[in-house]
Protein backbone atom coordinates (compact mmCIF):
# COMPACT_ATOMS: atom_id res chain seq x y z
CA MET A 1 53.84 -44.28 -72.38
CA SER A 2 57.20 -45.10 -70.61
CA GLY A 3 57.54 -46.93 -67.09
CA GLN A 4 58.43 -44.02 -65.77
CA ASN A 5 55.25 -42.13 -66.82
CA VAL A 6 52.73 -44.74 -65.91
CA VAL A 7 50.32 -43.91 -63.27
CA VAL A 8 49.06 -45.87 -60.57
CA ASP A 9 45.23 -47.00 -60.82
CA ARG A 10 43.00 -44.69 -58.68
CA SER A 11 45.02 -42.10 -58.25
CA LEU A 12 45.77 -38.71 -59.99
CA LEU A 13 49.68 -39.16 -60.89
CA GLY A 14 50.67 -41.78 -59.01
CA SER A 15 54.44 -42.39 -58.68
CA ALA A 16 55.38 -39.64 -61.27
CA ILE A 17 56.89 -36.67 -59.89
CA ALA A 18 56.27 -33.32 -62.30
CA HIS A 19 58.65 -30.99 -62.70
CA VAL A 20 58.00 -27.31 -63.30
CA PRO A 21 60.38 -24.42 -63.47
CA ARG A 22 60.69 -22.28 -60.61
CA ALA A 23 58.54 -18.93 -62.26
CA ASP A 24 56.96 -20.53 -65.12
CA SER A 25 54.63 -23.17 -65.46
CA GLY A 26 54.53 -23.40 -69.12
CA HIS A 27 56.71 -26.63 -69.54
CA VAL A 28 55.92 -29.48 -67.42
CA SER A 29 58.62 -32.49 -67.50
CA GLY A 30 58.77 -35.92 -65.90
CA ILE A 31 55.02 -37.10 -66.59
CA SER A 32 53.42 -37.24 -70.23
CA ARG A 33 49.99 -36.40 -71.45
CA MET A 34 47.38 -38.61 -71.68
CA ASP A 35 45.13 -38.02 -74.93
CA LEU A 36 41.68 -39.18 -75.32
CA THR A 37 42.22 -43.09 -76.18
CA GLU A 38 45.22 -43.17 -73.47
CA HIS A 39 42.89 -42.03 -71.03
CA ARG A 40 40.07 -44.08 -71.54
CA SER A 41 42.58 -47.02 -71.92
CA HIS A 42 43.77 -46.04 -68.63
CA PHE A 43 40.59 -44.99 -66.42
CA GLY A 44 37.51 -46.46 -68.22
CA ARG A 45 34.97 -44.61 -70.32
CA ARG A 46 32.62 -42.37 -68.58
CA HIS A 47 28.80 -43.52 -67.59
CA PRO A 48 26.28 -40.63 -67.00
CA SER A 49 25.22 -38.86 -64.37
CA HIS A 50 21.69 -38.02 -64.69
CA SER A 51 18.72 -38.46 -62.09
CA THR A 52 19.56 -40.63 -59.43
CA SER A 53 22.94 -41.48 -61.06
CA GLY A 54 23.71 -38.22 -60.35
CA ALA A 55 22.37 -38.09 -56.63
CA ALA A 56 24.34 -41.29 -56.12
CA LEU A 57 27.80 -39.37 -57.61
CA ILE A 58 27.18 -36.99 -54.84
CA ASP A 59 26.62 -39.45 -52.22
CA GLU A 60 29.85 -40.78 -53.44
CA LEU A 61 31.62 -37.62 -53.28
CA ALA A 62 30.36 -37.21 -49.54
CA ALA A 63 31.39 -40.81 -48.72
CA VAL A 64 35.27 -40.14 -50.00
CA GLY A 65 35.04 -37.00 -47.75
CA LEU A 66 36.23 -34.70 -51.16
CA THR A 67 36.71 -31.40 -50.13
CA GLY A 68 37.86 -28.19 -52.25
CA ARG A 69 41.53 -28.06 -53.11
CA GLY A 70 41.94 -24.55 -53.92
CA GLY A 71 42.49 -23.21 -50.43
CA GLY A 72 38.96 -23.59 -48.20
CA HIS A 73 38.65 -26.84 -48.23
CA PHE A 74 34.78 -27.13 -48.41
CA PRO A 75 32.71 -30.19 -48.52
CA ALA A 76 32.20 -31.14 -52.89
CA ALA A 77 28.79 -32.85 -51.84
CA ALA A 78 27.27 -30.06 -50.17
CA LYS A 79 28.41 -27.74 -52.72
CA TRP A 80 27.15 -29.95 -55.39
CA ARG A 81 23.93 -30.84 -53.57
CA SER A 82 22.77 -26.92 -52.94
CA VAL A 83 23.27 -26.15 -57.01
CA ALA A 84 21.40 -29.22 -57.90
CA ALA A 85 18.63 -28.27 -55.46
CA ALA A 86 18.37 -24.96 -57.08
CA GLY A 87 17.21 -26.43 -59.82
CA PRO A 88 18.38 -26.94 -64.02
CA GLY A 89 19.77 -24.71 -65.91
CA GLY A 90 22.78 -23.59 -63.69
CA LEU A 91 26.26 -23.34 -64.69
CA VAL A 92 29.51 -25.44 -63.78
CA VAL A 93 32.87 -23.90 -63.78
CA VAL A 94 36.23 -25.76 -63.09
CA ASN A 95 38.75 -22.95 -61.59
CA GLY A 96 42.25 -23.47 -63.42
CA ALA A 97 43.31 -19.94 -62.71
CA GLU A 98 46.06 -21.12 -60.30
CA GLY A 99 46.62 -17.81 -58.05
CA GLU A 100 49.22 -18.99 -55.75
CA PRO A 101 52.35 -17.90 -57.36
CA GLY A 102 53.91 -21.17 -55.93
CA SER A 103 51.84 -23.79 -56.81
CA ALA A 104 51.89 -25.58 -60.12
CA LYS A 105 49.60 -28.43 -59.53
CA ASP A 106 46.88 -26.90 -61.35
CA ALA A 107 48.79 -26.42 -64.46
CA VAL A 108 50.50 -30.23 -64.38
CA LEU A 109 46.51 -31.62 -64.35
CA TRP A 110 45.69 -29.94 -67.24
CA GLN A 111 48.90 -30.29 -69.23
CA THR A 112 48.62 -33.87 -68.08
CA ARG A 113 45.50 -35.25 -67.44
CA PRO A 114 43.06 -32.82 -69.06
CA HIS A 115 40.32 -35.60 -69.68
CA LEU A 116 39.94 -36.63 -66.11
CA ILE A 117 39.38 -33.36 -64.99
CA LEU A 118 36.64 -32.51 -68.18
CA ASP A 119 35.04 -36.00 -67.08
CA GLY A 120 34.31 -34.36 -63.55
CA VAL A 121 32.87 -31.16 -65.29
CA VAL A 122 30.87 -33.08 -67.53
CA CYS A 123 29.39 -35.28 -64.63
CA ALA A 124 28.72 -32.20 -62.83
CA MET A 125 26.89 -30.96 -65.37
CA GLU A 126 24.63 -33.72 -65.61
CA THR A 127 24.15 -33.80 -62.07
CA ILE A 128 22.70 -30.51 -61.12
CA GLY A 129 21.38 -30.01 -64.85
CA ALA A 130 23.68 -27.32 -65.85
CA ARG A 131 23.52 -25.98 -69.48
CA GLU A 132 27.41 -25.09 -69.68
CA GLY A 133 30.36 -25.76 -68.58
CA ILE A 134 33.48 -23.12 -68.33
CA VAL A 135 37.17 -23.78 -68.07
CA TRP A 136 38.58 -20.81 -65.80
CA LEU A 137 42.08 -19.72 -66.77
CA HIS A 138 44.94 -17.00 -66.30
CA GLN A 139 45.33 -15.44 -69.76
CA GLY A 140 48.93 -15.91 -69.55
CA ALA A 141 48.90 -19.79 -68.91
CA ASP A 142 49.51 -20.46 -72.80
CA SER A 143 50.45 -24.04 -72.36
CA THR A 144 47.48 -24.86 -70.26
CA ILE A 145 44.87 -23.08 -72.65
CA ARG A 146 46.82 -24.88 -75.50
CA SER A 147 46.05 -28.44 -73.51
CA VAL A 148 42.34 -27.68 -72.82
CA ARG A 149 41.44 -26.63 -75.95
CA SER A 150 43.24 -29.50 -77.72
CA ALA A 151 41.26 -31.68 -75.15
CA ILE A 152 37.64 -30.59 -76.02
CA ALA A 153 38.45 -30.79 -79.63
CA GLU A 154 39.65 -34.79 -79.07
CA ARG A 155 36.41 -35.37 -77.32
CA ALA A 156 34.22 -33.50 -79.94
CA ALA A 157 36.48 -35.65 -82.69
CA ALA A 158 35.22 -38.76 -81.09
CA GLY A 159 31.74 -38.11 -80.52
CA GLU A 160 31.30 -37.40 -76.99
CA THR A 161 28.74 -35.22 -76.65
CA ASP A 162 29.87 -33.12 -73.67
CA GLY A 163 27.23 -30.18 -74.17
CA SER A 164 28.57 -26.83 -73.93
CA LEU A 165 32.30 -26.58 -72.73
CA ARG A 166 34.38 -23.55 -73.29
CA VAL A 167 37.60 -21.28 -71.81
CA VAL A 168 36.72 -18.36 -70.16
CA LEU A 169 40.41 -16.41 -69.77
CA ALA A 170 40.68 -14.27 -66.79
CA PRO A 171 42.94 -11.50 -65.64
CA ASP A 172 46.43 -13.06 -64.66
CA ARG A 173 46.25 -11.35 -61.01
CA TYR A 174 45.92 -13.28 -57.37
CA LEU A 175 42.56 -12.82 -56.89
CA SER A 176 40.90 -13.66 -60.47
CA GLY A 177 40.42 -17.17 -59.33
CA GLU A 178 38.70 -16.73 -56.21
CA ALA A 179 35.49 -18.29 -56.43
CA THR A 180 33.44 -15.11 -55.70
CA SER A 181 35.38 -13.13 -58.22
CA ILE A 182 34.67 -15.85 -61.10
CA ILE A 183 30.68 -15.90 -60.30
CA ARG A 184 30.87 -11.80 -60.17
CA THR A 185 32.25 -11.89 -63.50
CA ILE A 186 29.62 -14.43 -64.68
CA GLU A 187 26.89 -12.25 -63.81
CA GLY A 188 28.42 -9.38 -65.83
CA GLY A 189 30.51 -7.38 -62.77
CA PRO A 190 34.07 -7.02 -62.43
CA THR A 191 36.44 -9.65 -61.77
CA LEU A 192 36.75 -8.95 -57.65
CA PRO A 193 35.52 -10.89 -54.62
CA ARG A 194 32.42 -10.26 -52.89
CA PHE A 195 31.32 -11.42 -49.45
CA VAL A 196 28.93 -14.05 -49.24
CA LEU A 197 27.02 -15.64 -45.98
CA ASN A 198 26.48 -19.27 -47.49
CA PRO A 199 29.68 -20.61 -49.17
CA ALA A 200 27.45 -23.39 -50.90
CA GLN A 201 25.39 -20.87 -52.50
CA PRO A 202 27.79 -17.80 -53.59
CA TRP A 203 25.61 -16.68 -56.54
CA SER A 204 23.31 -13.75 -56.37
CA ASP A 205 19.95 -13.70 -55.66
CA GLY A 206 18.07 -14.49 -58.96
CA GLY A 207 20.68 -15.41 -60.57
CA ARG A 208 21.33 -18.75 -62.00
CA PRO A 209 23.49 -21.04 -59.91
CA VAL A 210 26.84 -21.86 -60.52
CA LEU A 211 29.15 -24.72 -59.35
CA VAL A 212 32.44 -23.65 -58.94
CA ASN A 213 35.30 -26.29 -58.25
CA ASN A 214 38.74 -25.97 -58.35
CA THR A 215 41.36 -28.28 -60.80
CA GLU A 216 42.26 -30.81 -58.38
CA THR A 217 38.50 -31.39 -57.05
CA MET A 218 36.91 -31.59 -60.35
CA ALA A 219 39.84 -34.41 -61.48
CA ARG A 220 39.00 -36.11 -58.23
CA ALA A 221 35.24 -35.59 -58.92
CA GLY A 222 36.35 -37.37 -62.22
CA LEU A 223 38.28 -40.20 -60.75
CA VAL A 224 35.04 -40.90 -58.19
CA ALA A 225 32.96 -41.14 -61.38
CA LEU A 226 34.88 -43.21 -63.37
CA ARG A 227 36.33 -45.53 -60.69
CA GLY A 228 33.85 -45.38 -57.51
CA ALA A 229 33.95 -44.36 -53.83
CA ALA A 230 35.05 -47.96 -53.09
CA GLN A 231 38.25 -47.72 -54.85
CA TYR A 232 39.02 -44.13 -54.16
CA VAL A 233 42.40 -43.55 -52.41
CA PRO A 234 42.61 -40.30 -50.61
CA THR A 235 45.71 -38.62 -51.76
CA SER A 236 47.21 -35.22 -51.74
CA LEU A 237 48.58 -32.90 -54.72
CA LEU A 238 51.65 -31.19 -53.24
CA THR A 239 53.70 -28.28 -54.96
CA VAL A 240 57.22 -28.26 -53.36
CA ILE A 241 59.20 -25.35 -53.58
CA SER A 242 63.06 -25.63 -54.50
CA ARG A 243 65.88 -23.78 -55.29
CA GLY A 244 65.55 -23.87 -59.59
CA HIS A 245 62.13 -25.77 -59.90
CA ARG A 246 58.86 -26.84 -58.45
CA SER A 247 58.14 -30.60 -57.87
CA VAL A 248 54.38 -31.54 -58.28
CA VAL A 249 54.01 -34.75 -56.21
CA GLU A 250 50.97 -36.90 -54.89
CA VAL A 251 51.24 -38.29 -51.51
CA THR A 252 49.61 -40.11 -49.04
CA ALA A 253 48.22 -39.62 -45.60
CA ASP A 254 50.50 -41.88 -43.96
CA GLN A 255 53.88 -39.92 -45.41
CA THR A 256 55.16 -36.96 -43.32
CA PHE A 257 56.59 -33.79 -44.38
CA GLY A 258 59.91 -34.71 -43.28
CA MET A 259 59.53 -37.85 -46.03
CA VAL A 260 58.44 -35.58 -48.74
CA VAL A 261 61.33 -33.06 -48.10
CA ALA A 262 64.00 -35.23 -47.99
CA ALA A 263 62.45 -36.79 -51.04
CA HIS A 264 61.69 -33.67 -53.39
CA TRP A 265 63.52 -30.46 -51.65
CA SER A 266 66.79 -29.57 -53.51
CA ASP A 267 68.29 -26.95 -51.30
CA PHE A 268 69.33 -23.61 -51.49
CA THR A 269 72.49 -25.24 -49.14
CA ALA A 270 73.07 -28.00 -47.50
CA GLY A 271 71.09 -29.30 -44.29
CA VAL A 272 67.64 -29.34 -43.32
CA PRO A 273 64.76 -26.23 -43.61
CA GLN A 274 64.62 -24.17 -40.85
CA ALA A 275 60.80 -23.80 -41.69
CA ILE A 276 57.87 -24.80 -43.92
CA LEU A 277 55.46 -22.15 -45.52
CA LEU A 278 52.45 -24.50 -45.88
CA GLY A 279 49.16 -23.91 -47.72
CA GLY A 280 50.40 -20.93 -50.11
CA TYR A 281 51.34 -17.28 -49.47
CA GLY A 282 48.49 -16.82 -46.93
CA GLY A 283 49.33 -19.61 -45.04
CA SER A 284 51.03 -20.56 -41.90
CA TRP A 285 54.68 -20.74 -41.41
CA VAL A 286 55.44 -23.74 -39.00
CA SER A 287 59.16 -24.42 -37.67
CA TRP A 288 60.76 -27.75 -39.04
CA THR A 289 60.81 -29.83 -35.77
CA ASP A 290 57.23 -28.84 -35.38
CA ILE A 291 55.89 -30.18 -38.87
CA ARG A 292 59.06 -32.51 -39.80
CA GLU A 293 56.87 -35.42 -38.11
CA MET A 294 53.58 -34.61 -39.09
CA ARG A 295 51.34 -36.83 -41.66
CA ILE A 296 50.09 -35.20 -44.81
CA ASP A 297 46.73 -35.49 -43.70
CA PRO A 298 44.36 -32.98 -43.34
CA ALA A 299 42.46 -34.61 -40.40
CA ALA A 300 45.97 -34.47 -38.57
CA LEU A 301 46.75 -30.82 -39.26
CA LYS A 302 43.62 -29.37 -38.07
CA PRO A 303 44.11 -29.63 -34.18
CA ALA A 304 47.26 -27.82 -34.70
CA GLY A 305 45.38 -24.99 -36.46
CA LEU A 306 47.19 -25.86 -39.99
CA SER A 307 45.61 -26.75 -43.38
CA LEU A 308 47.11 -27.84 -47.00
CA GLY A 309 45.44 -24.75 -48.24
CA ALA A 310 46.48 -24.78 -51.92
CA GLY A 311 48.99 -27.44 -51.58
CA LEU A 312 52.34 -25.23 -51.47
CA VAL A 313 55.11 -26.77 -49.37
CA GLY A 314 57.76 -23.98 -49.33
CA PRO A 315 60.79 -24.76 -47.61
CA LEU A 316 63.12 -22.09 -45.80
CA PRO A 317 66.98 -22.76 -46.06
CA SER A 318 68.58 -21.98 -42.69
CA THR A 319 70.82 -19.35 -44.50
CA ALA A 320 67.54 -16.96 -45.26
CA CYS A 321 65.37 -14.85 -42.97
CA GLY A 322 62.00 -15.86 -42.15
CA ILE A 323 60.95 -12.25 -41.33
CA GLU A 324 62.48 -10.84 -44.56
CA GLU A 325 60.64 -13.56 -46.48
CA SER A 326 57.66 -12.64 -45.17
CA THR A 327 58.13 -9.23 -45.98
CA ARG A 328 58.58 -9.84 -49.54
CA LEU A 329 55.24 -11.87 -49.90
CA VAL A 330 53.38 -9.40 -47.64
CA ASN A 331 54.31 -6.80 -49.74
CA TYR A 332 52.93 -8.90 -52.79
CA LEU A 333 49.96 -9.92 -51.22
CA ALA A 334 49.00 -5.82 -50.43
CA GLY A 335 49.64 -5.18 -53.90
CA GLN A 336 47.30 -7.74 -54.82
CA SER A 337 44.34 -6.74 -52.78
CA ALA A 338 41.07 -6.01 -54.48
CA ARG A 339 41.09 -2.40 -52.81
CA GLN A 340 37.15 -2.71 -52.33
CA CYS A 341 37.34 -2.29 -48.41
CA GLY A 342 39.65 -0.86 -45.58
CA PRO A 343 41.19 -4.28 -44.46
CA CYS A 344 42.58 -4.42 -47.90
CA VAL A 345 43.09 -0.86 -48.91
CA PHE A 346 44.72 0.95 -46.07
CA GLY A 347 45.01 -2.02 -43.47
CA LEU A 348 47.42 -4.47 -45.55
CA ALA A 349 49.57 -1.51 -47.12
CA ASP A 350 50.12 -0.32 -43.43
CA VAL A 351 51.12 -3.96 -42.26
CA ALA A 352 53.37 -3.92 -45.42
CA LYS A 353 54.90 -0.91 -44.79
CA LEU A 354 55.46 -1.84 -41.10
CA CYS A 355 57.15 -5.31 -41.80
CA ASP A 356 59.78 -3.09 -44.42
CA ASP A 357 60.62 -0.84 -41.33
CA LEU A 358 61.07 -4.29 -39.34
CA THR A 359 63.25 -5.54 -42.30
CA ALA A 360 65.08 -2.55 -42.17
CA GLY A 361 66.07 -2.04 -38.71
CA ALA A 362 64.06 0.78 -38.36
CA LEU A 363 61.03 -0.26 -36.30
CA THR A 364 60.42 1.77 -33.18
CA SER A 365 58.61 0.40 -30.04
CA THR A 366 55.34 2.75 -31.17
CA GLY A 367 55.52 1.08 -34.77
CA ARG A 368 55.82 -2.72 -33.12
CA LYS A 369 52.45 -1.89 -31.08
CA ARG A 370 51.00 -0.47 -34.40
CA LEU A 371 51.77 -3.89 -36.26
CA VAL A 372 49.96 -5.80 -33.30
CA ARG A 373 47.25 -3.49 -33.29
CA PHE A 374 46.60 -3.77 -37.31
CA MET A 375 46.67 -7.33 -37.45
CA ASP A 376 44.19 -7.56 -34.63
CA GLU A 377 41.70 -5.00 -36.56
CA ILE A 378 42.23 -6.76 -40.18
CA ALA A 379 41.62 -10.15 -39.14
CA GLY A 380 37.96 -11.31 -39.88
CA ARG A 381 36.93 -7.91 -41.00
CA GLY A 382 37.36 -7.87 -44.93
CA ALA A 383 35.07 -8.47 -47.52
CA CYS A 384 37.03 -11.07 -48.53
CA ARG A 385 39.12 -13.52 -47.26
CA HIS A 386 42.28 -12.01 -48.74
CA PRO A 387 43.61 -9.72 -45.57
CA ASP A 388 43.19 -12.86 -43.47
CA GLY A 389 45.39 -14.85 -45.33
CA ALA A 390 48.12 -12.14 -45.60
CA ILE A 391 47.58 -11.65 -41.65
CA ARG A 392 47.98 -15.17 -41.13
CA MET A 393 51.22 -15.44 -42.77
CA VAL A 394 52.59 -12.46 -41.08
CA THR A 395 51.38 -13.87 -37.62
CA SER A 396 52.95 -17.14 -37.98
CA ALA A 397 56.21 -15.25 -39.08
CA LEU A 398 56.55 -13.06 -36.12
CA HIS A 399 55.87 -16.57 -33.93
CA VAL A 400 58.08 -18.77 -35.84
CA PHE A 401 61.09 -16.44 -36.63
CA GLY A 402 61.47 -14.55 -33.14
CA ALA A 403 65.06 -15.09 -33.32
CA ASP A 404 65.29 -13.20 -36.64
CA VAL A 405 62.53 -10.34 -35.35
CA ALA A 406 65.09 -9.93 -32.27
CA LYS A 407 68.09 -9.44 -35.07
CA HIS A 408 66.20 -6.67 -36.90
CA ARG A 409 65.37 -4.85 -33.94
CA ARG A 410 67.50 -1.56 -33.28
CA GLY A 411 69.15 -0.90 -36.48
CA ARG A 412 70.46 -4.25 -36.84
CA THR A 413 69.76 -6.80 -39.49
CA CYS A 414 70.37 -10.52 -39.47
CA ASN A 415 72.78 -10.85 -42.59
CA ALA A 416 71.22 -13.81 -44.28
CA LYS A 417 72.34 -14.94 -47.44
CA VAL A 418 69.69 -16.03 -49.44
CA PHE A 419 66.99 -14.05 -50.50
CA GLY A 420 63.78 -14.54 -52.60
CA VAL A 421 63.17 -17.93 -51.90
CA MET A 422 59.62 -18.12 -52.65
CA PRO A 423 58.86 -17.32 -56.57
CA LEU A 424 56.87 -14.03 -57.18
CA PRO A 425 55.44 -13.10 -60.65
CA GLY A 426 57.95 -11.32 -63.23
CA GLU A 427 60.95 -13.04 -61.39
CA GLN A 428 63.67 -15.37 -63.87
CA SER A 429 63.19 -19.01 -63.61
C-alpha cells in the first residue's frame, strides 16, 4: 500500500482522507481497499468469541463506551447482552443501508475495510450464538455490494469458517436502514419502522432475537476484538459536505469543528460558513460562532443538546439561505415518511407546506402560528423517530436563521446566491 493509504494502528482509517462524489458513493478515492491478506497483516488474526471470551468481548465494548454510530448512539454492549441473554439461534445484522443522503462513511468502510466489519459480525455471531449473519445494503449500492461479496468470497477461499454470511438488499429509501424496519422485514413484514418500548429488544414477542448494528459500530467491534480495549482509541468518522464532493475523515475528541472544517471543507465561496448542519438531515443547525470551538466529543456535545448522529457535518456558506435550505430538506424528509401514523402522513406534509410558504414570502401570521403548533404537536408523537428528526431540524433552523426568517416575511425573500447545498438523491454530482 502507498504511504498515504497506510492506516494508523488502532484506528479505522487513520490519517487517510476518503473522497466521495457529492451525490454518488460508488467511487471512493484517497484510500485503497484492504483485501484479506492485507487486513490480517495489518490488524492480525481473529480469535473465536465463544462462551467466556464472548462475554469478555462484551465487557470490552462496555469499557470503551462503544455506541451505535447510525444516529441513536445506544450502548453497543447493552444490545449485545440483551440478545445474548435471549438464548442462541438468533441473527446478527450489520446495517450498511446508509439512509442519510449526505453521509458516505458506510460506503467508505465497506469499500476499503470490509474485513474489519466482517470480523465484527462474526465475533457478534459467536458471542450471541447466532446461526446467521446478514449484511443489509441498499439495492443501488453497486460498488459496496461488489466489495462485500468479494470479501465474503476471499474469506471462504482462505478457509475461514465464518458461519452463514449473506447479503440482503433493501429498497433504496431513507427509512430502509432504520433498525426496526430491518427486523420487521426479516420477520416477514414490510420494510417500514415500528414502535418499540425497549431498543435493546426490538424484535417481536416470540420471534428470534436480532442484533442490528450500524456499519461503523460493527467495524469498531471488530477493532476491539482484534486489538483489545486497552489499545482502542476513541475516534469519530465524519462526512464533511463540500461543493463538489464529500470527505470522510477520522477525528479524535480533542479536535474542534473549526479545525475539521478548515481542513476539509471546500467552500462555495471564500470565507467561513454561517452555520453547520450536524448529525444528519434530521439533526440540528448550529451557528458557526457556537460550534467552531466545540470539541468533536459526544460527551462534550451532549450538554448543549447536540449529537454527532450519523456523523454528518454540513457547512452552510454565508451566501446561502438557511431557511431555503431547511425547507428543501424538510420537503425531502416529508416525502420519505413511512406514512403509518398522523405525524408522518399529515404533520410533516403540513410543516413542509408552511415552510414552502415561508420561503416564498407568503406565510401569514396565522400560518406562523400553525407552524409552531404543528411542530409542538408532532414532536415525540410518531410511531418512529423520523418525524422527531425532521422537526428538530426545522426548529433549529428557525432559531439559528432568525435573520433569514425576517427577510422572508411580508412578501420578501433574501435573494440568496447559493442553493442546494446538501446533496439529495437524484441529483447530479
